[in-house]
Every structure is written in C-alpha cells, then in structure tokens.
Amino acid sequence: MKSFWNKISVVVMALSLAITTSSFAQQPGTTSYKCMIQMTNYMGEGAYIVISLINGKGAYEKTLYVLGSDKKWYPDVKEWHKAMAKKTPNISAITGASVAGGDRSVTVLEIDNSKLNKDYKIRFESAVEDKQYHVKDLEIPLTTEALSAKNEGTGYIRYVRFSPN
C-alpha cells in the first residue's frame, strides 16, 4: 500500500510542477532584453535611431527606445515623428545619446510578453543630419528565433543582437 501512495505522490508532484511551469511560461508582463547595435563606419554626425514596436497592420504601436535626446532632430526620423505627433508619448525615460559611425550602443528594451511570437515587428528607423533617412534600417519579426539571431541592418546599422537581461 505504501508503494501505491508513493506513486500517487510522485504523479501529483509532477502535475503540480507542470501546471506551475506552464503558468510561468504564459505569464503576462514584460521581459528585459539587452539590445546591442553595431553601426557601420559612415562619416558624419551621430545617428538618431528610433526603436519601435510595429503591429501586424504596419502601424506604430509603441516607442521602445530613442537614441538621440535633442528633440529638435526628431522630425528627421520622419515616419516615427509623424505617427507619434498624434499620440505625443512621454519618451524621456527611454532616450539616450545618439550613436556615431563605427560605434556600438547597448540599451535595455522592455518587451511585452503578449506580443512575442505574434504578428509584431521591431523597427529600427535611422536618420543622420544632412544624410539619407532609413525608415526601415532594420525590421525584424518579434519572435524568439529573431531575438536570438544576429540581424543585419540596411543603412547606418551594421547589425543588432539581443540577449535576455
């Protein structure tokens, strides 16, 4: 009889662990990711880069981070500025210095867990004074696979890497 209850106890503990594990995996909230941006070796001023969450319809959902804190240059990041002019978000807590050619920048992004592996993208939009503007310097799907890969930029950004914080 003791053996029977031991087996039942093991089964109950396994079920309890499975339920606990699945509830943690689906828990709402955010996850912090370190985002390392490596710039190309361009000549000129520091780049203003806006990192945004884009929904499945291609619309701006949220500003995740802004590299470049001087508001007078925000209109140079045209699509983001146009979209944000309607919402006027407070971005003071998610801004940092612009980043120059050949340099790298590491920031921490808070990603909403409910958006992961759904129809969302992270867009890196870049602008440099008196140079070309790149609305999609880099745009990656917001998936666990893409967040673990090296993602190549098409403008001032050479590549971006993410790692859990």
N, C-alpha and C. Protein backbone atom coordinates (compact mmCIF):
# COMPACT_ATOMS: atom_id res chain seq x y z
N MET A 1 0.82 -1.19 0.00
CA MET A 1 0.00 0.00 0.00
C MET A 1 0.86 1.26 0.00
N LYS A 2 2.00 1.19 0.72
CA LYS A 2 2.90 2.33 0.77
C LYS A 2 3.42 2.68 -0.62
N SER A 3 3.71 1.68 -1.44
CA SER A 3 4.20 1.88 -2.80
C SER A 3 3.15 2.61 -3.65
N PHE A 4 1.87 2.25 -3.47
CA PHE A 4 0.80 2.90 -4.20
C PHE A 4 0.76 4.40 -3.90
N TRP A 5 0.81 4.76 -2.61
CA TRP A 5 0.76 6.17 -2.21
C TRP A 5 2.00 6.92 -2.65
N ASN A 6 3.14 6.27 -2.69
CA ASN A 6 4.37 6.91 -3.20
C ASN A 6 4.21 7.25 -4.68
N LYS A 7 3.63 6.32 -5.44
CA LYS A 7 3.40 6.57 -6.87
C LYS A 7 2.41 7.72 -7.06
N ILE A 8 1.33 7.75 -6.28
CA ILE A 8 0.35 8.82 -6.36
C ILE A 8 1.01 10.15 -6.02
N SER A 9 1.84 10.17 -5.00
CA SER A 9 2.53 11.38 -4.59
C SER A 9 3.44 11.91 -5.70
N VAL A 10 4.14 11.01 -6.37
CA VAL A 10 5.03 11.41 -7.48
C VAL A 10 4.20 11.99 -8.62
N VAL A 11 3.08 11.38 -8.94
CA VAL A 11 2.21 11.86 -10.02
C VAL A 11 1.66 13.25 -9.67
N VAL A 12 1.21 13.43 -8.44
CA VAL A 12 0.67 14.72 -8.01
C VAL A 12 1.75 15.80 -8.09
N MET A 13 2.97 15.49 -7.64
CA MET A 13 4.06 16.46 -7.70
C MET A 13 4.39 16.80 -9.16
N ALA A 14 4.39 15.82 -10.04
CA ALA A 14 4.69 16.06 -11.46
C ALA A 14 3.61 16.95 -12.08
N LEU A 15 2.34 16.69 -11.79
CA LEU A 15 1.25 17.51 -12.31
C LEU A 15 1.35 18.94 -11.76
N SER A 16 1.65 19.06 -10.50
CA SER A 16 1.80 20.38 -9.89
C SER A 16 2.93 21.16 -10.54
N LEU A 17 4.05 20.51 -10.81
CA LEU A 17 5.19 21.15 -11.47
C LEU A 17 4.81 21.56 -12.89
N ALA A 18 4.11 20.71 -13.61
CA ALA A 18 3.70 21.03 -14.99
C ALA A 18 2.75 22.23 -15.02
N ILE A 19 1.81 22.28 -14.09
CA ILE A 19 0.89 23.41 -14.05
C ILE A 19 1.62 24.70 -13.70
N THR A 20 2.51 24.65 -12.73
CA THR A 20 3.29 25.82 -12.34
C THR A 20 4.16 26.30 -13.48
N THR A 21 4.85 25.39 -14.17
CA THR A 21 5.72 25.75 -15.28
C THR A 21 4.94 26.39 -16.41
N SER A 22 3.77 25.83 -16.76
CA SER A 22 3.00 26.40 -17.86
C SER A 22 2.44 27.76 -17.49
N SER A 23 2.09 27.98 -16.22
CA SER A 23 1.57 29.29 -15.85
C SER A 23 2.66 30.35 -15.88
N PHE A 24 3.90 29.99 -15.54
CA PHE A 24 5.01 30.94 -15.66
C PHE A 24 5.29 31.25 -17.12
N ALA A 25 5.23 30.26 -17.99
CA ALA A 25 5.53 30.46 -19.40
C ALA A 25 4.53 31.40 -20.06
N GLN A 26 3.30 31.41 -19.58
CA GLN A 26 2.27 32.23 -20.19
C GLN A 26 1.96 33.47 -19.38
N GLN A 27 2.79 33.77 -18.40
CA GLN A 27 2.55 34.89 -17.52
C GLN A 27 2.63 36.23 -18.25
N PRO A 28 1.64 37.08 -18.01
CA PRO A 28 1.70 38.41 -18.64
C PRO A 28 2.82 39.24 -18.02
N GLY A 29 3.15 40.31 -18.68
CA GLY A 29 4.20 41.19 -18.18
C GLY A 29 5.20 41.47 -19.27
N THR A 30 6.37 41.90 -18.85
CA THR A 30 7.42 42.22 -19.81
C THR A 30 8.68 41.45 -19.50
N THR A 31 9.53 41.35 -20.51
CA THR A 31 10.86 40.76 -20.36
C THR A 31 11.86 41.79 -20.84
N SER A 32 12.95 41.92 -20.09
CA SER A 32 14.03 42.85 -20.47
C SER A 32 15.01 42.16 -21.38
N TYR A 33 15.40 42.84 -22.45
CA TYR A 33 16.40 42.35 -23.39
C TYR A 33 17.48 43.40 -23.56
N LYS A 34 18.72 42.98 -23.51
CA LYS A 34 19.80 43.88 -23.91
C LYS A 34 19.81 43.92 -25.42
N CYS A 35 19.93 45.11 -25.97
CA CYS A 35 19.93 45.30 -27.42
C CYS A 35 21.24 45.99 -27.79
N MET A 36 22.10 45.28 -28.48
CA MET A 36 23.38 45.84 -28.90
C MET A 36 23.30 46.21 -30.37
N ILE A 37 23.55 47.49 -30.66
CA ILE A 37 23.52 48.00 -32.03
C ILE A 37 24.94 48.32 -32.45
N GLN A 38 25.41 47.68 -33.51
CA GLN A 38 26.73 47.97 -34.09
C GLN A 38 26.50 48.79 -35.35
N MET A 39 27.11 49.97 -35.39
CA MET A 39 26.93 50.87 -36.52
C MET A 39 27.94 50.59 -37.63
N THR A 40 27.59 50.98 -38.86
CA THR A 40 28.54 50.92 -39.97
C THR A 40 29.55 52.06 -39.79
N ASN A 41 30.62 52.04 -40.56
CA ASN A 41 31.65 53.08 -40.49
C ASN A 41 31.32 54.23 -41.43
N TYR A 42 30.23 54.92 -41.19
CA TYR A 42 29.87 56.06 -42.04
C TYR A 42 30.54 57.33 -41.48
N MET A 43 30.67 58.33 -42.31
CA MET A 43 31.20 59.63 -41.89
C MET A 43 30.03 60.57 -41.63
N GLY A 44 30.15 61.39 -40.60
CA GLY A 44 29.11 62.37 -40.32
C GLY A 44 28.71 62.37 -38.86
N GLU A 45 27.63 63.08 -38.60
CA GLU A 45 27.12 63.24 -37.23
C GLU A 45 26.58 61.91 -36.70
N GLY A 46 26.28 61.89 -35.39
CA GLY A 46 25.69 60.72 -34.76
C GLY A 46 24.30 60.45 -35.30
N ALA A 47 23.96 59.20 -35.41
CA ALA A 47 22.65 58.79 -35.92
C ALA A 47 21.61 58.84 -34.81
N TYR A 48 20.44 59.31 -35.19
CA TYR A 48 19.27 59.20 -34.33
C TYR A 48 18.57 57.91 -34.76
N ILE A 49 18.34 57.03 -33.79
CA ILE A 49 17.71 55.74 -34.07
C ILE A 49 16.49 55.60 -33.16
N VAL A 50 15.37 55.29 -33.77
CA VAL A 50 14.15 55.04 -33.01
C VAL A 50 13.84 53.56 -33.13
N ILE A 51 13.63 52.92 -31.99
CA ILE A 51 13.27 51.50 -31.95
C ILE A 51 11.80 51.44 -31.56
N SER A 52 10.98 50.89 -32.46
CA SER A 52 9.53 50.89 -32.26
C SER A 52 8.95 49.50 -32.40
N LEU A 53 7.84 49.28 -31.72
CA LEU A 53 7.04 48.08 -31.89
C LEU A 53 6.00 48.39 -32.96
N ILE A 54 5.96 47.54 -34.00
CA ILE A 54 5.06 47.72 -35.13
C ILE A 54 4.07 46.56 -35.14
N ASN A 55 2.78 46.87 -35.27
CA ASN A 55 1.77 45.80 -35.27
C ASN A 55 1.65 45.16 -36.66
N GLY A 56 0.79 44.16 -36.75
CA GLY A 56 0.61 43.40 -37.98
C GLY A 56 0.09 44.21 -39.16
N LYS A 57 -0.51 45.36 -38.89
CA LYS A 57 -1.00 46.23 -39.96
C LYS A 57 0.04 47.26 -40.38
N GLY A 58 1.23 47.20 -39.77
CA GLY A 58 2.31 48.12 -40.11
C GLY A 58 2.25 49.44 -39.38
N ALA A 59 1.38 49.55 -38.37
CA ALA A 59 1.25 50.80 -37.62
C ALA A 59 2.14 50.79 -36.37
N TYR A 60 2.57 51.99 -35.99
CA TYR A 60 3.36 52.13 -34.77
C TYR A 60 2.50 51.83 -33.56
N GLU A 61 2.95 50.90 -32.74
CA GLU A 61 2.22 50.53 -31.54
C GLU A 61 2.84 51.19 -30.31
N LYS A 62 4.19 51.21 -30.26
CA LYS A 62 4.86 51.74 -29.07
C LYS A 62 6.30 52.10 -29.42
N THR A 63 6.80 53.16 -28.81
CA THR A 63 8.22 53.51 -28.92
C THR A 63 8.95 52.78 -27.81
N LEU A 64 9.92 51.93 -28.18
CA LEU A 64 10.67 51.16 -27.20
C LEU A 64 11.91 51.91 -26.70
N TYR A 65 12.56 52.67 -27.60
CA TYR A 65 13.75 53.42 -27.21
C TYR A 65 14.10 54.42 -28.31
N VAL A 66 14.71 55.54 -27.91
CA VAL A 66 15.16 56.56 -28.85
C VAL A 66 16.62 56.87 -28.55
N LEU A 67 17.50 56.64 -29.52
CA LEU A 67 18.90 57.02 -29.39
C LEU A 67 19.04 58.40 -30.02
N GLY A 68 19.19 59.40 -29.19
CA GLY A 68 19.23 60.79 -29.61
C GLY A 68 18.25 61.57 -28.77
N SER A 69 18.74 62.47 -27.94
CA SER A 69 17.85 63.12 -26.98
C SER A 69 17.47 64.56 -27.33
N ASP A 70 18.04 65.13 -28.40
CA ASP A 70 17.72 66.51 -28.76
C ASP A 70 16.46 66.53 -29.62
N LYS A 71 15.37 67.00 -29.03
CA LYS A 71 14.05 66.96 -29.68
C LYS A 71 14.00 67.69 -31.00
N LYS A 72 14.90 68.64 -31.22
CA LYS A 72 14.82 69.40 -32.48
C LYS A 72 15.14 68.53 -33.69
N TRP A 73 15.76 67.36 -33.49
CA TRP A 73 16.09 66.46 -34.60
C TRP A 73 15.05 65.36 -34.81
N TYR A 74 14.07 65.25 -33.91
CA TYR A 74 13.05 64.20 -34.05
C TYR A 74 12.30 64.25 -35.38
N PRO A 75 12.01 65.43 -35.94
CA PRO A 75 11.34 65.45 -37.25
C PRO A 75 12.14 64.78 -38.37
N ASP A 76 13.46 64.62 -38.17
CA ASP A 76 14.27 63.92 -39.19
C ASP A 76 13.98 62.42 -39.24
N VAL A 77 13.44 61.89 -38.16
CA VAL A 77 13.01 60.49 -38.13
C VAL A 77 11.53 60.53 -38.52
N LYS A 78 11.31 60.71 -39.80
CA LYS A 78 10.03 61.18 -40.37
C LYS A 78 8.80 60.34 -40.05
N GLU A 79 8.83 59.06 -40.34
CA GLU A 79 7.64 58.23 -40.16
C GLU A 79 7.27 58.11 -38.69
N TRP A 80 8.27 57.88 -37.84
CA TRP A 80 8.01 57.80 -36.40
C TRP A 80 7.47 59.12 -35.88
N HIS A 81 8.09 60.22 -36.26
CA HIS A 81 7.66 61.53 -35.78
C HIS A 81 6.22 61.83 -36.21
N LYS A 82 5.89 61.48 -37.44
CA LYS A 82 4.53 61.70 -37.94
C LYS A 82 3.53 60.86 -37.14
N ALA A 83 3.86 59.61 -36.87
CA ALA A 83 2.97 58.72 -36.12
C ALA A 83 2.85 59.16 -34.66
N MET A 84 3.93 59.59 -34.08
CA MET A 84 3.92 59.96 -32.66
C MET A 84 3.32 61.33 -32.42
N ALA A 85 3.29 62.18 -33.42
CA ALA A 85 2.70 63.51 -33.26
C ALA A 85 1.23 63.40 -32.86
N LYS A 86 0.58 62.33 -33.26
CA LYS A 86 -0.83 62.11 -32.92
C LYS A 86 -1.00 61.63 -31.48
N LYS A 87 0.03 60.93 -30.95
CA LYS A 87 -0.08 60.33 -29.62
C LYS A 87 0.67 61.11 -28.54
N THR A 88 1.67 61.87 -28.92
CA THR A 88 2.55 62.63 -28.02
C THR A 88 2.91 61.86 -26.74
N PRO A 89 3.65 60.77 -26.89
CA PRO A 89 4.04 59.99 -25.71
C PRO A 89 5.17 60.68 -24.94
N ASN A 90 5.28 60.38 -23.66
CA ASN A 90 6.40 60.86 -22.86
C ASN A 90 7.53 59.85 -23.02
N ILE A 91 8.59 60.25 -23.73
CA ILE A 91 9.69 59.31 -24.01
C ILE A 91 10.96 59.64 -23.23
N SER A 92 10.86 60.55 -22.26
CA SER A 92 12.06 60.98 -21.54
C SER A 92 12.77 59.82 -20.84
N ALA A 93 12.04 58.82 -20.39
CA ALA A 93 12.65 57.69 -19.69
C ALA A 93 13.27 56.66 -20.63
N ILE A 94 13.02 56.80 -21.93
CA ILE A 94 13.54 55.80 -22.88
C ILE A 94 14.38 56.46 -23.96
N THR A 95 15.16 57.47 -23.58
CA THR A 95 16.04 58.12 -24.55
C THR A 95 17.48 58.03 -24.07
N GLY A 96 18.38 58.08 -25.04
CA GLY A 96 19.82 58.06 -24.75
C GLY A 96 20.55 58.82 -25.83
N ALA A 97 21.85 58.78 -25.77
CA ALA A 97 22.69 59.51 -26.73
C ALA A 97 22.59 58.91 -28.12
N SER A 98 22.77 59.78 -29.12
CA SER A 98 22.86 59.28 -30.50
C SER A 98 24.14 58.45 -30.60
N VAL A 99 24.29 57.73 -31.70
CA VAL A 99 25.44 56.84 -31.84
C VAL A 99 26.13 57.12 -33.17
N ALA A 100 27.46 57.26 -33.12
CA ALA A 100 28.25 57.65 -34.29
C ALA A 100 28.68 56.45 -35.13
N GLY A 101 29.14 56.74 -36.32
CA GLY A 101 29.61 55.71 -37.24
C GLY A 101 30.72 54.87 -36.62
N GLY A 102 30.60 53.56 -36.75
CA GLY A 102 31.59 52.62 -36.22
C GLY A 102 31.42 52.28 -34.75
N ASP A 103 30.62 53.06 -34.04
CA ASP A 103 30.40 52.81 -32.61
C ASP A 103 29.33 51.75 -32.40
N ARG A 104 29.20 51.38 -31.14
CA ARG A 104 28.12 50.48 -30.76
C ARG A 104 27.42 51.03 -29.54
N SER A 105 26.20 50.65 -29.39
CA SER A 105 25.38 51.11 -28.27
C SER A 105 24.65 49.90 -27.70
N VAL A 106 24.56 49.86 -26.38
CA VAL A 106 23.80 48.81 -25.71
C VAL A 106 22.71 49.48 -24.88
N THR A 107 21.48 49.08 -25.13
CA THR A 107 20.33 49.60 -24.40
C THR A 107 19.53 48.41 -23.88
N VAL A 108 18.64 48.68 -22.97
CA VAL A 108 17.75 47.63 -22.46
C VAL A 108 16.33 47.97 -22.92
N LEU A 109 15.71 47.01 -23.56
CA LEU A 109 14.33 47.16 -24.04
C LEU A 109 13.40 46.29 -23.22
N GLU A 110 12.24 46.82 -22.89
CA GLU A 110 11.19 46.05 -22.22
C GLU A 110 10.21 45.60 -23.29
N ILE A 111 10.09 44.29 -23.45
CA ILE A 111 9.19 43.72 -24.46
C ILE A 111 7.99 43.09 -23.76
N ASP A 112 6.81 43.45 -24.21
CA ASP A 112 5.57 42.89 -23.67
C ASP A 112 5.48 41.42 -24.10
N ASN A 113 5.41 40.52 -23.13
CA ASN A 113 5.39 39.08 -23.42
C ASN A 113 4.21 38.67 -24.30
N SER A 114 3.10 39.37 -24.21
CA SER A 114 1.93 39.01 -25.01
C SER A 114 2.12 39.30 -26.50
N LYS A 115 3.13 40.09 -26.86
CA LYS A 115 3.38 40.43 -28.26
C LYS A 115 4.37 39.47 -28.93
N LEU A 116 5.09 38.71 -28.12
CA LEU A 116 6.12 37.80 -28.62
C LEU A 116 5.50 36.64 -29.41
N ASN A 117 6.09 36.33 -30.56
CA ASN A 117 5.65 35.25 -31.43
C ASN A 117 4.23 35.46 -31.96
N LYS A 118 3.86 36.72 -32.08
CA LYS A 118 2.59 37.11 -32.69
C LYS A 118 2.95 37.89 -33.95
N ASP A 119 2.03 38.63 -34.50
CA ASP A 119 2.25 39.38 -35.74
C ASP A 119 2.79 40.79 -35.45
N TYR A 120 3.94 40.87 -34.77
CA TYR A 120 4.57 42.15 -34.45
C TYR A 120 6.00 42.17 -34.95
N LYS A 121 6.53 43.37 -35.14
CA LYS A 121 7.92 43.55 -35.58
C LYS A 121 8.56 44.62 -34.72
N ILE A 122 9.88 44.59 -34.68
CA ILE A 122 10.64 45.68 -34.08
C ILE A 122 11.33 46.41 -35.22
N ARG A 123 11.05 47.71 -35.31
CA ARG A 123 11.62 48.54 -36.38
C ARG A 123 12.70 49.45 -35.82
N PHE A 124 13.84 49.50 -36.52
CA PHE A 124 14.93 50.41 -36.22
C PHE A 124 14.95 51.43 -37.35
N GLU A 125 14.55 52.64 -37.04
CA GLU A 125 14.46 53.74 -38.00
C GLU A 125 15.63 54.68 -37.72
N SER A 126 16.37 55.08 -38.76
CA SER A 126 17.57 55.89 -38.51
C SER A 126 17.65 57.12 -39.41
N ALA A 127 18.28 58.16 -38.85
CA ALA A 127 18.50 59.40 -39.58
C ALA A 127 19.80 60.03 -39.09
N VAL A 128 20.53 60.62 -40.04
CA VAL A 128 21.76 61.35 -39.75
C VAL A 128 21.64 62.71 -40.42
N GLU A 129 22.06 63.76 -39.70
CA GLU A 129 21.97 65.12 -40.23
C GLU A 129 22.65 65.22 -41.59
N ASP A 130 21.94 65.81 -42.56
CA ASP A 130 22.43 66.03 -43.93
C ASP A 130 22.78 64.73 -44.66
N LYS A 131 22.18 63.63 -44.26
CA LYS A 131 22.41 62.34 -44.91
C LYS A 131 21.06 61.67 -45.15
N GLN A 132 21.12 60.49 -45.74
CA GLN A 132 19.91 59.73 -46.08
C GLN A 132 19.18 59.25 -44.82
N TYR A 133 17.86 59.20 -44.93
CA TYR A 133 16.97 58.70 -43.87
C TYR A 133 16.56 57.28 -44.21
N HIS A 134 16.54 56.38 -43.21
CA HIS A 134 16.16 54.98 -43.43
C HIS A 134 14.97 54.63 -42.54
N VAL A 135 13.79 54.57 -43.14
CA VAL A 135 12.59 54.25 -42.37
C VAL A 135 12.66 52.83 -41.82
N LYS A 136 13.26 51.91 -42.56
CA LYS A 136 13.41 50.53 -42.11
C LYS A 136 14.88 50.13 -42.23
N ASP A 137 15.73 50.79 -41.44
CA ASP A 137 17.14 50.41 -41.43
C ASP A 137 17.23 48.93 -41.07
N LEU A 138 16.37 48.53 -40.15
CA LEU A 138 16.26 47.12 -39.79
C LEU A 138 14.85 46.90 -39.25
N GLU A 139 14.21 45.84 -39.69
CA GLU A 139 12.90 45.47 -39.18
C GLU A 139 12.90 43.96 -39.02
N ILE A 140 12.67 43.53 -37.79
CA ILE A 140 12.71 42.09 -37.53
C ILE A 140 11.40 41.63 -36.89
N PRO A 141 10.98 40.41 -37.17
CA PRO A 141 9.79 39.87 -36.52
C PRO A 141 10.05 39.73 -35.02
N LEU A 142 9.07 40.00 -34.22
CA LEU A 142 9.21 39.85 -32.77
C LEU A 142 8.95 38.40 -32.39
N THR A 143 9.96 37.57 -32.66
CA THR A 143 9.88 36.14 -32.36
C THR A 143 11.09 35.74 -31.53
N THR A 144 10.97 34.63 -30.81
CA THR A 144 12.10 34.15 -30.03
C THR A 144 13.27 33.82 -30.95
N GLU A 145 12.98 33.31 -32.13
CA GLU A 145 14.04 32.97 -33.09
C GLU A 145 14.79 34.23 -33.55
N ALA A 146 14.07 35.27 -33.92
CA ALA A 146 14.71 36.51 -34.39
C ALA A 146 15.47 37.21 -33.27
N LEU A 147 14.95 37.14 -32.05
CA LEU A 147 15.63 37.77 -30.92
C LEU A 147 16.92 37.05 -30.54
N SER A 148 17.08 35.81 -30.96
CA SER A 148 18.30 35.09 -30.65
C SER A 148 19.30 35.11 -31.81
N ALA A 149 18.96 35.77 -32.91
CA ALA A 149 19.82 35.80 -34.10
C ALA A 149 20.53 37.15 -34.23
N LYS A 150 21.55 37.17 -35.07
CA LYS A 150 22.21 38.41 -35.47
C LYS A 150 21.41 38.95 -36.65
N ASN A 151 20.94 40.19 -36.53
CA ASN A 151 20.09 40.80 -37.56
C ASN A 151 20.83 41.93 -38.24
N GLU A 152 20.97 41.85 -39.57
CA GLU A 152 21.73 42.82 -40.36
C GLU A 152 20.89 44.03 -40.73
N GLY A 153 21.46 45.22 -40.56
CA GLY A 153 20.80 46.46 -40.96
C GLY A 153 21.03 46.74 -42.44
N THR A 154 20.34 47.76 -42.96
CA THR A 154 20.46 48.10 -44.38
C THR A 154 20.96 49.54 -44.59
N GLY A 155 21.12 50.29 -43.51
CA GLY A 155 21.54 51.70 -43.62
C GLY A 155 22.76 51.96 -42.75
N TYR A 156 22.55 52.73 -41.69
CA TYR A 156 23.64 53.07 -40.77
C TYR A 156 23.93 51.96 -39.77
N ILE A 157 22.98 51.06 -39.59
CA ILE A 157 23.15 49.95 -38.66
C ILE A 157 23.79 48.78 -39.38
N ARG A 158 24.93 48.30 -38.85
CA ARG A 158 25.56 47.10 -39.41
C ARG A 158 24.77 45.87 -38.98
N TYR A 159 24.57 45.73 -37.65
CA TYR A 159 23.77 44.61 -37.14
C TYR A 159 23.27 44.92 -35.74
N VAL A 160 22.30 44.11 -35.30
CA VAL A 160 21.73 44.20 -33.97
C VAL A 160 21.67 42.79 -33.38
N ARG A 161 22.01 42.69 -32.11
CA ARG A 161 21.89 41.42 -31.37
C ARG A 161 21.10 41.68 -30.08
N PHE A 162 20.29 40.71 -29.70
CA PHE A 162 19.54 40.76 -28.46
C PHE A 162 20.03 39.66 -27.53
N SER A 163 19.94 39.91 -26.24
CA SER A 163 20.19 38.87 -25.24
C SER A 163 19.30 39.16 -24.03
N PRO A 164 18.79 38.10 -23.40
CA PRO A 164 17.95 38.33 -22.21
C PRO A 164 18.76 39.07 -21.15
N ASN A 165 18.11 39.98 -20.47
CA ASN A 165 18.79 40.78 -19.45
C ASN A 165 18.63 40.16 -18.09
